[in-house]
Amino acid sequence: MVDAGLMCWEDGRRDEAVGCYQKAAELGHPVGMCNLGVSYLEADPPKVEEAVRWFYPAAAAGNARAQYNLGLCLQNGKGIKRNQREAAKWYLRAAEGGNVRAMYNISLCYSYGEGFSQDHVRSKRWLQLAADCGHKKALYECGIKLCAAGDKVRSLMYLELATRRGEAAASHMRDVILESLSLVNAQRALSDADKWRPRALYTRR
């Protein structure tokens, strides 16, 4: 039913997709519950309370995508009272389960002390992991940090990767660093970007 729902969604038959997800969700399937919640979030108008109602059991069952979405709803007060501490808790569980967006968000939580005590070591670790997995904002921010640390070759590689992934803020800084490097070092950085592959992680469904 989940697979049927995915196919219907891709074909633009969203009502049929929701029906399939609903059946799977009512049978307790975590992916079905998560996908049903996402469907409610993307409805016009969004049904955020219904979305949260289905994210909770899916998140409790270990679905990393549901954990991330529940954290997002809690952080922004969508369909539920805003609670940064609870949001951070779910982001962390989702990040540990392999959700790349949650890795980036939990790095911000630790960086700014939102939901957890401020911890720059943990923030840096999660930011690096998000970048290694290809998160465009994490790649950009790692590139900026490397530039500040004086490692312009690696910085250029990260900023080039962020630019290729559509991070608009990265392109200007990339060009500035590109002009400041020798041709050999610039080519080395761009060659490293060509060879780079995102880290593959197991993600709990």
N, C-alpha and C. Protein backbone atom coordinates (compact mmCIF):
# COMPACT_ATOMS: atom_id res chain seq x y z
N MET A 1 0.82 -1.21 0.00
CA MET A 1 0.00 0.00 0.00
C MET A 1 0.86 1.26 0.00
N VAL A 2 1.97 1.20 0.75
CA VAL A 2 2.88 2.34 0.75
C VAL A 2 3.47 2.54 -0.64
N ASP A 3 3.91 1.46 -1.28
CA ASP A 3 4.48 1.57 -2.62
C ASP A 3 3.44 2.06 -3.62
N ALA A 4 2.22 1.58 -3.48
CA ALA A 4 1.13 2.03 -4.36
C ALA A 4 0.88 3.52 -4.16
N GLY A 5 0.93 3.95 -2.90
CA GLY A 5 0.75 5.37 -2.59
C GLY A 5 1.84 6.22 -3.21
N LEU A 6 3.08 5.74 -3.14
CA LEU A 6 4.19 6.48 -3.74
C LEU A 6 4.00 6.63 -5.25
N MET A 7 3.57 5.56 -5.91
CA MET A 7 3.36 5.61 -7.35
C MET A 7 2.24 6.58 -7.71
N CYS A 8 1.15 6.54 -6.93
CA CYS A 8 0.04 7.46 -7.17
C CYS A 8 0.48 8.91 -6.97
N TRP A 9 1.29 9.14 -5.93
CA TRP A 9 1.76 10.49 -5.64
C TRP A 9 2.61 11.02 -6.79
N GLU A 10 3.50 10.16 -7.29
CA GLU A 10 4.37 10.56 -8.40
C GLU A 10 3.57 10.84 -9.66
N ASP A 11 2.45 10.13 -9.83
CA ASP A 11 1.60 10.33 -11.01
C ASP A 11 0.66 11.52 -10.86
N GLY A 12 0.70 12.16 -9.70
CA GLY A 12 -0.17 13.30 -9.47
C GLY A 12 -1.55 12.94 -8.95
N ARG A 13 -1.75 11.65 -8.65
CA ARG A 13 -3.06 11.22 -8.12
C ARG A 13 -3.00 11.23 -6.59
N ARG A 14 -2.98 12.42 -6.05
CA ARG A 14 -2.69 12.58 -4.63
C ARG A 14 -3.79 12.04 -3.72
N ASP A 15 -5.04 12.17 -4.13
CA ASP A 15 -6.13 11.64 -3.30
C ASP A 15 -6.02 10.13 -3.17
N GLU A 16 -5.67 9.46 -4.27
CA GLU A 16 -5.48 8.01 -4.21
C GLU A 16 -4.29 7.65 -3.34
N ALA A 17 -3.24 8.45 -3.46
CA ALA A 17 -2.04 8.22 -2.65
C ALA A 17 -2.37 8.31 -1.17
N VAL A 18 -3.10 9.36 -0.81
CA VAL A 18 -3.48 9.55 0.60
C VAL A 18 -4.31 8.38 1.10
N GLY A 19 -5.19 7.88 0.24
CA GLY A 19 -6.00 6.72 0.61
C GLY A 19 -5.15 5.49 0.90
N CYS A 20 -4.13 5.28 0.08
CA CYS A 20 -3.21 4.15 0.30
C CYS A 20 -2.42 4.33 1.59
N TYR A 21 -1.90 5.54 1.79
CA TYR A 21 -1.15 5.81 3.01
C TYR A 21 -2.03 5.63 4.25
N GLN A 22 -3.28 6.07 4.13
CA GLN A 22 -4.22 5.96 5.25
C GLN A 22 -4.41 4.51 5.66
N LYS A 23 -4.56 3.63 4.68
CA LYS A 23 -4.74 2.20 4.98
C LYS A 23 -3.50 1.63 5.64
N ALA A 24 -2.34 1.98 5.11
CA ALA A 24 -1.09 1.48 5.69
C ALA A 24 -0.90 2.04 7.10
N ALA A 25 -1.23 3.32 7.28
CA ALA A 25 -1.07 3.96 8.58
C ALA A 25 -1.98 3.31 9.62
N GLU A 26 -3.21 3.03 9.24
CA GLU A 26 -4.16 2.43 10.17
C GLU A 26 -3.75 1.02 10.59
N LEU A 27 -2.90 0.39 9.75
CA LEU A 27 -2.36 -0.93 10.10
C LEU A 27 -1.07 -0.81 10.91
N GLY A 28 -0.65 0.44 11.18
CA GLY A 28 0.52 0.67 12.02
C GLY A 28 1.85 0.69 11.30
N HIS A 29 1.83 0.85 9.96
CA HIS A 29 3.08 0.87 9.20
C HIS A 29 3.74 2.24 9.36
N PRO A 30 4.99 2.32 9.92
CA PRO A 30 5.62 3.62 10.19
C PRO A 30 5.79 4.50 8.95
N VAL A 31 6.17 3.91 7.80
CA VAL A 31 6.34 4.71 6.60
C VAL A 31 4.99 5.24 6.13
N GLY A 32 3.96 4.40 6.22
CA GLY A 32 2.62 4.84 5.86
C GLY A 32 2.16 6.00 6.73
N MET A 33 2.42 5.90 8.05
CA MET A 33 2.05 6.98 8.96
C MET A 33 2.81 8.26 8.64
N CYS A 34 4.11 8.13 8.38
CA CYS A 34 4.92 9.30 8.05
C CYS A 34 4.45 9.93 6.75
N ASN A 35 4.26 9.12 5.72
CA ASN A 35 3.85 9.66 4.42
C ASN A 35 2.47 10.30 4.49
N LEU A 36 1.60 9.74 5.31
CA LEU A 36 0.28 10.34 5.50
C LEU A 36 0.43 11.71 6.15
N GLY A 37 1.32 11.80 7.16
CA GLY A 37 1.57 13.08 7.79
C GLY A 37 2.12 14.11 6.82
N VAL A 38 3.06 13.70 5.99
CA VAL A 38 3.63 14.61 4.99
C VAL A 38 2.55 15.05 4.01
N SER A 39 1.68 14.12 3.63
CA SER A 39 0.58 14.46 2.71
C SER A 39 -0.32 15.54 3.31
N TYR A 40 -0.60 15.42 4.60
CA TYR A 40 -1.42 16.44 5.26
C TYR A 40 -0.70 17.79 5.32
N LEU A 41 0.61 17.76 5.53
CA LEU A 41 1.37 19.02 5.55
C LEU A 41 1.33 19.71 4.19
N GLU A 42 1.34 18.91 3.12
CA GLU A 42 1.40 19.47 1.77
C GLU A 42 0.01 19.67 1.15
N ALA A 43 -1.03 19.41 1.94
CA ALA A 43 -2.39 19.62 1.44
C ALA A 43 -2.66 21.11 1.27
N ASP A 44 -3.69 21.45 0.52
CA ASP A 44 -4.07 22.83 0.30
C ASP A 44 -5.53 23.02 0.72
N PRO A 45 -5.79 23.59 1.91
CA PRO A 45 -4.81 24.12 2.87
C PRO A 45 -4.18 22.99 3.70
N PRO A 46 -3.01 23.23 4.30
CA PRO A 46 -2.36 22.19 5.10
C PRO A 46 -3.22 21.79 6.30
N LYS A 47 -3.16 20.51 6.63
CA LYS A 47 -3.86 19.99 7.81
C LYS A 47 -2.79 19.62 8.84
N VAL A 48 -2.25 20.65 9.48
CA VAL A 48 -1.05 20.45 10.30
C VAL A 48 -1.31 19.63 11.55
N GLU A 49 -2.49 19.80 12.16
CA GLU A 49 -2.78 19.01 13.36
C GLU A 49 -2.86 17.52 13.03
N GLU A 50 -3.48 17.21 11.89
CA GLU A 50 -3.55 15.81 11.46
C GLU A 50 -2.17 15.26 11.15
N ALA A 51 -1.34 16.10 10.54
CA ALA A 51 0.02 15.68 10.22
C ALA A 51 0.77 15.29 11.48
N VAL A 52 0.71 16.18 12.50
CA VAL A 52 1.40 15.91 13.76
C VAL A 52 0.87 14.65 14.41
N ARG A 53 -0.44 14.44 14.32
CA ARG A 53 -1.05 13.25 14.94
C ARG A 53 -0.46 11.97 14.38
N TRP A 54 -0.08 11.95 13.10
CA TRP A 54 0.50 10.76 12.50
C TRP A 54 2.02 10.72 12.62
N PHE A 55 2.65 11.89 12.73
CA PHE A 55 4.10 11.88 12.90
C PHE A 55 4.51 11.25 14.23
N TYR A 56 3.72 11.48 15.27
CA TYR A 56 4.10 10.97 16.60
C TYR A 56 4.29 9.46 16.64
N PRO A 57 3.29 8.67 16.22
CA PRO A 57 3.51 7.21 16.28
C PRO A 57 4.59 6.72 15.33
N ALA A 58 4.71 7.36 14.16
CA ALA A 58 5.77 6.97 13.23
C ALA A 58 7.14 7.28 13.82
N ALA A 59 7.26 8.45 14.46
CA ALA A 59 8.52 8.84 15.09
C ALA A 59 8.86 7.90 16.24
N ALA A 60 7.86 7.58 17.04
CA ALA A 60 8.08 6.67 18.17
C ALA A 60 8.50 5.28 17.70
N ALA A 61 8.07 4.90 16.49
CA ALA A 61 8.44 3.60 15.92
C ALA A 61 9.83 3.62 15.28
N GLY A 62 10.49 4.79 15.28
CA GLY A 62 11.85 4.87 14.78
C GLY A 62 12.01 5.40 13.37
N ASN A 63 10.94 5.92 12.77
CA ASN A 63 11.03 6.46 11.42
C ASN A 63 11.74 7.81 11.44
N ALA A 64 12.94 7.88 10.86
CA ALA A 64 13.76 9.09 10.96
C ALA A 64 13.13 10.29 10.26
N ARG A 65 12.45 10.05 9.14
CA ARG A 65 11.81 11.16 8.44
C ARG A 65 10.68 11.76 9.28
N ALA A 66 9.91 10.90 9.94
CA ALA A 66 8.84 11.38 10.81
C ALA A 66 9.42 12.12 12.01
N GLN A 67 10.52 11.62 12.55
CA GLN A 67 11.18 12.30 13.67
C GLN A 67 11.62 13.69 13.27
N TYR A 68 12.20 13.82 12.07
CA TYR A 68 12.62 15.13 11.58
C TYR A 68 11.42 16.06 11.42
N ASN A 69 10.36 15.58 10.78
CA ASN A 69 9.18 16.41 10.54
C ASN A 69 8.49 16.80 11.84
N LEU A 70 8.48 15.90 12.81
CA LEU A 70 7.89 16.21 14.10
C LEU A 70 8.72 17.30 14.78
N GLY A 71 10.04 17.17 14.70
CA GLY A 71 10.91 18.21 15.25
C GLY A 71 10.66 19.57 14.61
N LEU A 72 10.46 19.56 13.30
CA LEU A 72 10.20 20.80 12.56
C LEU A 72 8.89 21.44 13.02
N CYS A 73 7.86 20.61 13.18
CA CYS A 73 6.56 21.13 13.64
C CYS A 73 6.67 21.71 15.06
N LEU A 74 7.41 21.02 15.92
CA LEU A 74 7.59 21.49 17.29
C LEU A 74 8.42 22.78 17.33
N GLN A 75 9.42 22.87 16.49
CA GLN A 75 10.26 24.07 16.47
C GLN A 75 9.48 25.29 16.00
N ASN A 76 8.63 25.09 15.01
CA ASN A 76 7.90 26.22 14.40
C ASN A 76 6.49 26.41 14.96
N GLY A 77 6.07 25.52 15.88
CA GLY A 77 4.72 25.63 16.42
C GLY A 77 3.65 25.37 15.39
N LYS A 78 3.90 24.43 14.48
CA LYS A 78 2.94 24.09 13.43
C LYS A 78 2.10 22.88 13.86
N GLY A 79 0.83 23.13 14.14
CA GLY A 79 -0.06 22.04 14.52
C GLY A 79 0.10 21.58 15.94
N ILE A 80 0.98 22.23 16.67
CA ILE A 80 1.29 21.84 18.05
C ILE A 80 1.97 23.02 18.71
N LYS A 81 1.90 23.09 20.04
CA LYS A 81 2.55 24.18 20.76
C LYS A 81 4.06 24.14 20.55
N ARG A 82 4.68 25.29 20.31
CA ARG A 82 6.12 25.36 20.08
C ARG A 82 6.88 24.85 21.31
N ASN A 83 7.84 23.98 21.06
CA ASN A 83 8.64 23.41 22.15
C ASN A 83 10.03 23.08 21.60
N GLN A 84 10.98 23.99 21.80
CA GLN A 84 12.31 23.82 21.23
C GLN A 84 13.05 22.63 21.82
N ARG A 85 12.84 22.37 23.12
CA ARG A 85 13.52 21.23 23.75
C ARG A 85 13.06 19.91 23.14
N GLU A 86 11.75 19.76 22.95
CA GLU A 86 11.23 18.54 22.31
C GLU A 86 11.67 18.45 20.86
N ALA A 87 11.70 19.60 20.18
CA ALA A 87 12.14 19.62 18.78
C ALA A 87 13.56 19.10 18.67
N ALA A 88 14.43 19.60 19.55
CA ALA A 88 15.84 19.17 19.52
C ALA A 88 15.96 17.68 19.79
N LYS A 89 15.15 17.19 20.71
CA LYS A 89 15.18 15.75 21.03
C LYS A 89 14.86 14.91 19.81
N TRP A 90 13.84 15.30 19.06
CA TRP A 90 13.45 14.54 17.87
C TRP A 90 14.45 14.73 16.74
N TYR A 91 15.01 15.93 16.60
CA TYR A 91 16.06 16.13 15.60
C TYR A 91 17.24 15.19 15.86
N LEU A 92 17.62 15.09 17.14
CA LEU A 92 18.75 14.23 17.47
C LEU A 92 18.47 12.78 17.13
N ARG A 93 17.28 12.31 17.45
CA ARG A 93 16.93 10.92 17.12
C ARG A 93 16.91 10.70 15.61
N ALA A 94 16.38 11.69 14.88
CA ALA A 94 16.36 11.58 13.42
C ALA A 94 17.77 11.60 12.85
N ALA A 95 18.63 12.48 13.39
CA ALA A 95 20.02 12.56 12.93
C ALA A 95 20.75 11.25 13.19
N GLU A 96 20.55 10.68 14.36
CA GLU A 96 21.17 9.40 14.69
C GLU A 96 20.64 8.28 13.80
N GLY A 97 19.42 8.47 13.27
CA GLY A 97 18.84 7.50 12.36
C GLY A 97 19.23 7.72 10.91
N GLY A 98 20.05 8.75 10.64
CA GLY A 98 20.57 8.96 9.29
C GLY A 98 19.89 10.04 8.48
N ASN A 99 18.99 10.84 9.09
CA ASN A 99 18.32 11.91 8.35
C ASN A 99 19.25 13.11 8.23
N VAL A 100 19.64 13.45 7.02
CA VAL A 100 20.66 14.48 6.80
C VAL A 100 20.17 15.87 7.20
N ARG A 101 18.92 16.19 6.91
CA ARG A 101 18.39 17.51 7.30
C ARG A 101 18.40 17.66 8.82
N ALA A 102 18.10 16.58 9.51
CA ALA A 102 18.12 16.63 10.97
C ALA A 102 19.54 16.82 11.50
N MET A 103 20.52 16.24 10.81
CA MET A 103 21.92 16.44 11.21
C MET A 103 22.27 17.93 11.19
N TYR A 104 21.86 18.60 10.14
CA TYR A 104 22.13 20.04 10.04
C TYR A 104 21.39 20.80 11.13
N ASN A 105 20.12 20.46 11.34
CA ASN A 105 19.32 21.18 12.34
C ASN A 105 19.85 20.97 13.75
N ILE A 106 20.31 19.74 14.04
CA ILE A 106 20.82 19.50 15.39
C ILE A 106 22.15 20.21 15.59
N SER A 107 22.90 20.39 14.52
CA SER A 107 24.14 21.17 14.65
C SER A 107 23.81 22.61 15.04
N LEU A 108 22.71 23.15 14.50
CA LEU A 108 22.29 24.51 14.86
C LEU A 108 21.81 24.56 16.30
N CYS A 109 21.09 23.52 16.73
CA CYS A 109 20.61 23.47 18.12
C CYS A 109 21.78 23.54 19.10
N TYR A 110 22.81 22.75 18.83
CA TYR A 110 23.98 22.76 19.70
C TYR A 110 24.76 24.08 19.57
N SER A 111 24.81 24.63 18.38
CA SER A 111 25.56 25.87 18.16
C SER A 111 24.96 27.04 18.93
N TYR A 112 23.61 27.13 18.92
CA TYR A 112 22.94 28.27 19.55
C TYR A 112 22.37 27.96 20.93
N GLY A 113 22.53 26.71 21.37
CA GLY A 113 21.99 26.34 22.67
C GLY A 113 20.47 26.33 22.69
N GLU A 114 19.87 25.88 21.61
CA GLU A 114 18.41 25.81 21.50
C GLU A 114 17.93 24.38 21.72
N GLY A 115 17.30 24.14 22.85
CA GLY A 115 16.81 22.80 23.17
C GLY A 115 17.82 21.98 23.94
N PHE A 116 19.09 22.18 23.66
CA PHE A 116 20.18 21.55 24.38
C PHE A 116 21.13 22.63 24.87
N SER A 117 22.01 22.27 25.82
CA SER A 117 23.05 23.19 26.23
C SER A 117 23.99 23.43 25.06
N GLN A 118 24.51 24.63 24.96
CA GLN A 118 25.41 24.97 23.87
C GLN A 118 26.64 24.07 23.91
N ASP A 119 26.98 23.48 22.78
CA ASP A 119 28.11 22.55 22.71
C ASP A 119 28.71 22.65 21.32
N HIS A 120 29.78 23.43 21.19
CA HIS A 120 30.35 23.68 19.87
C HIS A 120 31.05 22.45 19.28
N VAL A 121 31.52 21.57 20.14
CA VAL A 121 32.15 20.33 19.65
C VAL A 121 31.12 19.45 18.95
N ARG A 122 29.98 19.24 19.62
CA ARG A 122 28.91 18.43 19.01
C ARG A 122 28.34 19.13 17.77
N SER A 123 28.21 20.45 17.85
CA SER A 123 27.70 21.20 16.70
C SER A 123 28.59 20.99 15.49
N LYS A 124 29.90 21.12 15.69
CA LYS A 124 30.85 20.95 14.59
C LYS A 124 30.79 19.54 14.03
N ARG A 125 30.66 18.55 14.92
CA ARG A 125 30.63 17.15 14.48
C ARG A 125 29.41 16.88 13.60
N TRP A 126 28.24 17.37 14.02
CA TRP A 126 27.03 17.13 13.23
C TRP A 126 27.04 17.93 11.93
N LEU A 127 27.60 19.14 11.98
CA LEU A 127 27.69 19.94 10.76
C LEU A 127 28.58 19.24 9.74
N GLN A 128 29.69 18.71 10.19
CA GLN A 128 30.60 18.01 9.29
C GLN A 128 29.95 16.77 8.70
N LEU A 129 29.22 16.03 9.53
CA LEU A 129 28.56 14.83 9.03
C LEU A 129 27.49 15.19 8.00
N ALA A 130 26.73 16.26 8.27
CA ALA A 130 25.72 16.71 7.30
C ALA A 130 26.38 17.10 5.98
N ALA A 131 27.53 17.77 6.07
CA ALA A 131 28.26 18.15 4.85
C ALA A 131 28.76 16.92 4.12
N ASP A 132 29.31 15.96 4.87
CA ASP A 132 29.82 14.73 4.26
C ASP A 132 28.71 13.97 3.54
N CYS A 133 27.48 14.16 3.99
CA CYS A 133 26.34 13.49 3.35
C CYS A 133 25.72 14.32 2.23
N GLY A 134 26.26 15.53 2.02
CA GLY A 134 25.83 16.32 0.87
C GLY A 134 24.83 17.43 1.14
N HIS A 135 24.58 17.77 2.41
CA HIS A 135 23.64 18.85 2.72
C HIS A 135 24.24 20.18 2.25
N LYS A 136 23.54 20.90 1.39
CA LYS A 136 24.14 22.06 0.71
C LYS A 136 24.50 23.20 1.67
N LYS A 137 23.66 23.48 2.66
CA LYS A 137 23.99 24.55 3.61
C LYS A 137 25.16 24.15 4.49
N ALA A 138 25.22 22.87 4.86
CA ALA A 138 26.34 22.38 5.67
C ALA A 138 27.64 22.46 4.88
N LEU A 139 27.59 22.12 3.61
CA LEU A 139 28.77 22.24 2.75
C LEU A 139 29.24 23.69 2.70
N TYR A 140 28.30 24.60 2.53
CA TYR A 140 28.63 26.03 2.47
C TYR A 140 29.27 26.49 3.78
N GLU A 141 28.65 26.14 4.89
CA GLU A 141 29.16 26.60 6.18
C GLU A 141 30.52 25.99 6.50
N CYS A 142 30.73 24.73 6.14
CA CYS A 142 32.05 24.12 6.32
C CYS A 142 33.10 24.83 5.46
N GLY A 143 32.70 25.21 4.25
CA GLY A 143 33.60 25.94 3.38
C GLY A 143 34.01 27.28 3.97
N ILE A 144 33.05 27.97 4.57
CA ILE A 144 33.34 29.26 5.21
C ILE A 144 34.29 29.07 6.39
N LYS A 145 34.04 28.05 7.20
CA LYS A 145 34.89 27.79 8.37
C LYS A 145 36.31 27.42 7.94
N LEU A 146 36.44 26.64 6.87
CA LEU A 146 37.77 26.27 6.38
C LEU A 146 38.52 27.48 5.85
N CYS A 147 37.80 28.38 5.21
CA CYS A 147 38.43 29.60 4.71
C CYS A 147 38.94 30.44 5.89
N ALA A 148 38.12 30.57 6.92
CA ALA A 148 38.51 31.33 8.10
C ALA A 148 39.73 30.72 8.79
N ALA A 149 39.84 29.37 8.67
CA ALA A 149 40.97 28.67 9.28
C ALA A 149 42.22 28.70 8.40
N GLY A 150 42.09 29.25 7.19
CA GLY A 150 43.24 29.38 6.30
C GLY A 150 43.43 28.26 5.30
N ASP A 151 42.49 27.30 5.28
CA ASP A 151 42.60 26.17 4.34
C ASP A 151 41.75 26.47 3.10
N LYS A 152 42.31 27.29 2.21
CA LYS A 152 41.52 27.77 1.08
C LYS A 152 41.26 26.70 0.03
N VAL A 153 42.16 25.72 -0.08
CA VAL A 153 41.96 24.67 -1.08
C VAL A 153 40.75 23.83 -0.72
N ARG A 154 40.71 23.35 0.52
CA ARG A 154 39.55 22.55 0.95
C ARG A 154 38.29 23.42 1.00
N SER A 155 38.46 24.68 1.38
CA SER A 155 37.32 25.60 1.40
C SER A 155 36.70 25.72 0.02
N LEU A 156 37.54 25.88 -1.00
CA LEU A 156 37.04 25.99 -2.37
C LEU A 156 36.30 24.73 -2.79
N MET A 157 36.81 23.56 -2.40
CA MET A 157 36.13 22.32 -2.75
C MET A 157 34.72 22.29 -2.16
N TYR A 158 34.59 22.64 -0.88
CA TYR A 158 33.28 22.63 -0.22
C TYR A 158 32.34 23.66 -0.83
N LEU A 159 32.86 24.84 -1.11
CA LEU A 159 32.02 25.88 -1.69
C LEU A 159 31.59 25.54 -3.11
N GLU A 160 32.46 24.88 -3.85
CA GLU A 160 32.10 24.42 -5.19
C GLU A 160 30.99 23.37 -5.12
N LEU A 161 31.11 22.45 -4.16
CA LEU A 161 30.09 21.43 -3.98
C LEU A 161 28.75 22.05 -3.57
N ALA A 162 28.81 23.03 -2.67
CA ALA A 162 27.59 23.71 -2.24
C ALA A 162 26.94 24.44 -3.41
N THR A 163 27.76 25.08 -4.25
CA THR A 163 27.24 25.79 -5.42
C THR A 163 26.58 24.83 -6.39
N ARG A 164 27.21 23.69 -6.63
CA ARG A 164 26.64 22.69 -7.54
C ARG A 164 25.30 22.16 -7.04
N ARG A 165 25.11 22.19 -5.71
CA ARG A 165 23.87 21.69 -5.14
C ARG A 165 22.81 22.79 -5.01
N GLY A 166 23.14 23.99 -5.49
CA GLY A 166 22.14 25.05 -5.55
C GLY A 166 22.14 26.01 -4.38
N GLU A 167 23.20 26.02 -3.57
CA GLU A 167 23.28 26.97 -2.45
C GLU A 167 23.76 28.31 -3.01
N ALA A 168 22.80 29.23 -3.19
CA ALA A 168 23.09 30.50 -3.87
C ALA A 168 24.17 31.31 -3.17
N ALA A 169 24.20 31.27 -1.84
CA ALA A 169 25.15 32.08 -1.09
C ALA A 169 26.59 31.63 -1.30
N ALA A 170 26.79 30.41 -1.78
CA ALA A 170 28.14 29.85 -1.89
C ALA A 170 28.91 30.37 -3.10
N SER A 171 28.22 30.73 -4.16
CA SER A 171 28.91 31.01 -5.43
C SER A 171 29.83 32.24 -5.35
N HIS A 172 29.38 33.29 -4.66
CA HIS A 172 30.21 34.49 -4.58
C HIS A 172 31.51 34.21 -3.83
N MET A 173 31.38 33.55 -2.68
CA MET A 173 32.58 33.25 -1.88
C MET A 173 33.50 32.30 -2.63
N ARG A 174 32.90 31.34 -3.35
CA ARG A 174 33.70 30.43 -4.17
C ARG A 174 34.54 31.21 -5.18
N ASP A 175 33.92 32.18 -5.86
CA ASP A 175 34.63 32.96 -6.88
C ASP A 175 35.75 33.80 -6.27
N VAL A 176 35.50 34.34 -5.07
CA VAL A 176 36.52 35.14 -4.40
C VAL A 176 37.74 34.28 -4.08
N ILE A 177 37.50 33.08 -3.54
CA ILE A 177 38.61 32.20 -3.19
C ILE A 177 39.31 31.69 -4.45
N LEU A 178 38.53 31.41 -5.47
CA LEU A 178 39.09 30.92 -6.73
C LEU A 178 40.12 31.91 -7.29
N GLU A 179 39.81 33.20 -7.21
CA GLU A 179 40.71 34.23 -7.73
C GLU A 179 41.96 34.39 -6.87
N SER A 180 41.87 33.98 -5.61
CA SER A 180 43.00 34.18 -4.70
C SER A 180 43.99 33.02 -4.72
N LEU A 181 43.61 31.91 -5.34
CA LEU A 181 44.48 30.73 -5.36
C LEU A 181 45.30 30.67 -6.65
N SER A 182 46.41 29.97 -6.57
CA SER A 182 47.19 29.70 -7.78
C SER A 182 46.39 28.76 -8.67
N LEU A 183 46.74 28.73 -9.95
CA LEU A 183 46.02 27.87 -10.89
C LEU A 183 46.11 26.40 -10.46
N VAL A 184 47.28 25.98 -9.98
CA VAL A 184 47.47 24.58 -9.56
C VAL A 184 46.56 24.23 -8.39
N ASN A 185 46.52 25.10 -7.37
CA ASN A 185 45.69 24.82 -6.20
C ASN A 185 44.20 24.89 -6.53
N ALA A 186 43.82 25.83 -7.40
CA ALA A 186 42.42 25.93 -7.80
C ALA A 186 41.98 24.68 -8.55
N GLN A 187 42.82 24.22 -9.46
CA GLN A 187 42.49 23.00 -10.22
C GLN A 187 42.42 21.79 -9.30
N ARG A 188 43.30 21.75 -8.30
CA ARG A 188 43.28 20.63 -7.36
C ARG A 188 41.96 20.60 -6.58
N ALA A 189 41.53 21.77 -6.13
CA ALA A 189 40.27 21.85 -5.38
C ALA A 189 39.08 21.44 -6.23
N LEU A 190 39.04 21.91 -7.48
CA LEU A 190 37.92 21.57 -8.37
C LEU A 190 37.96 20.11 -8.78
N SER A 191 39.16 19.56 -8.92
CA SER A 191 39.30 18.13 -9.21
C SER A 191 38.80 17.30 -8.04
N ASP A 192 39.12 17.74 -6.81
CA ASP A 192 38.63 17.04 -5.61
C ASP A 192 37.10 17.09 -5.54
N ALA A 193 36.53 18.22 -5.97
CA ALA A 193 35.07 18.34 -5.99
C ALA A 193 34.46 17.37 -7.00
N ASP A 194 35.12 17.20 -8.14
CA ASP A 194 34.64 16.25 -9.15
C ASP A 194 34.65 14.81 -8.63
N LYS A 195 35.65 14.50 -7.82
CA LYS A 195 35.81 13.13 -7.31
C LYS A 195 34.96 12.85 -6.07
N TRP A 196 34.50 13.91 -5.43
CA TRP A 196 33.80 13.78 -4.16
C TRP A 196 32.49 13.02 -4.31
N ARG A 197 32.19 12.17 -3.36
CA ARG A 197 30.91 11.46 -3.32
C ARG A 197 30.32 11.60 -1.92
N PRO A 198 29.02 11.81 -1.81
CA PRO A 198 28.43 11.92 -0.48
C PRO A 198 28.56 10.62 0.30
N ARG A 199 28.70 10.77 1.58
CA ARG A 199 28.81 9.62 2.46
C ARG A 199 27.47 8.87 2.49
N ALA A 200 27.53 7.58 2.34
CA ALA A 200 26.31 6.77 2.36
C ALA A 200 26.04 6.33 3.79
N LEU A 201 24.83 6.60 4.26
CA LEU A 201 24.45 6.20 5.61
C LEU A 201 23.20 5.36 5.54
N TYR A 202 23.07 4.45 6.50
CA TYR A 202 21.84 3.69 6.63
C TYR A 202 20.81 4.57 7.29
N THR A 203 19.65 4.72 6.67
CA THR A 203 18.58 5.52 7.22
C THR A 203 17.43 4.63 7.65
N ARG A 204 17.01 4.77 8.91
CA ARG A 204 15.86 4.01 9.38
C ARG A 204 14.61 4.54 8.69
N ARG A 205 13.83 3.64 8.15
CA ARG A 205 12.61 4.06 7.45
C ARG A 205 11.47 4.20 8.43
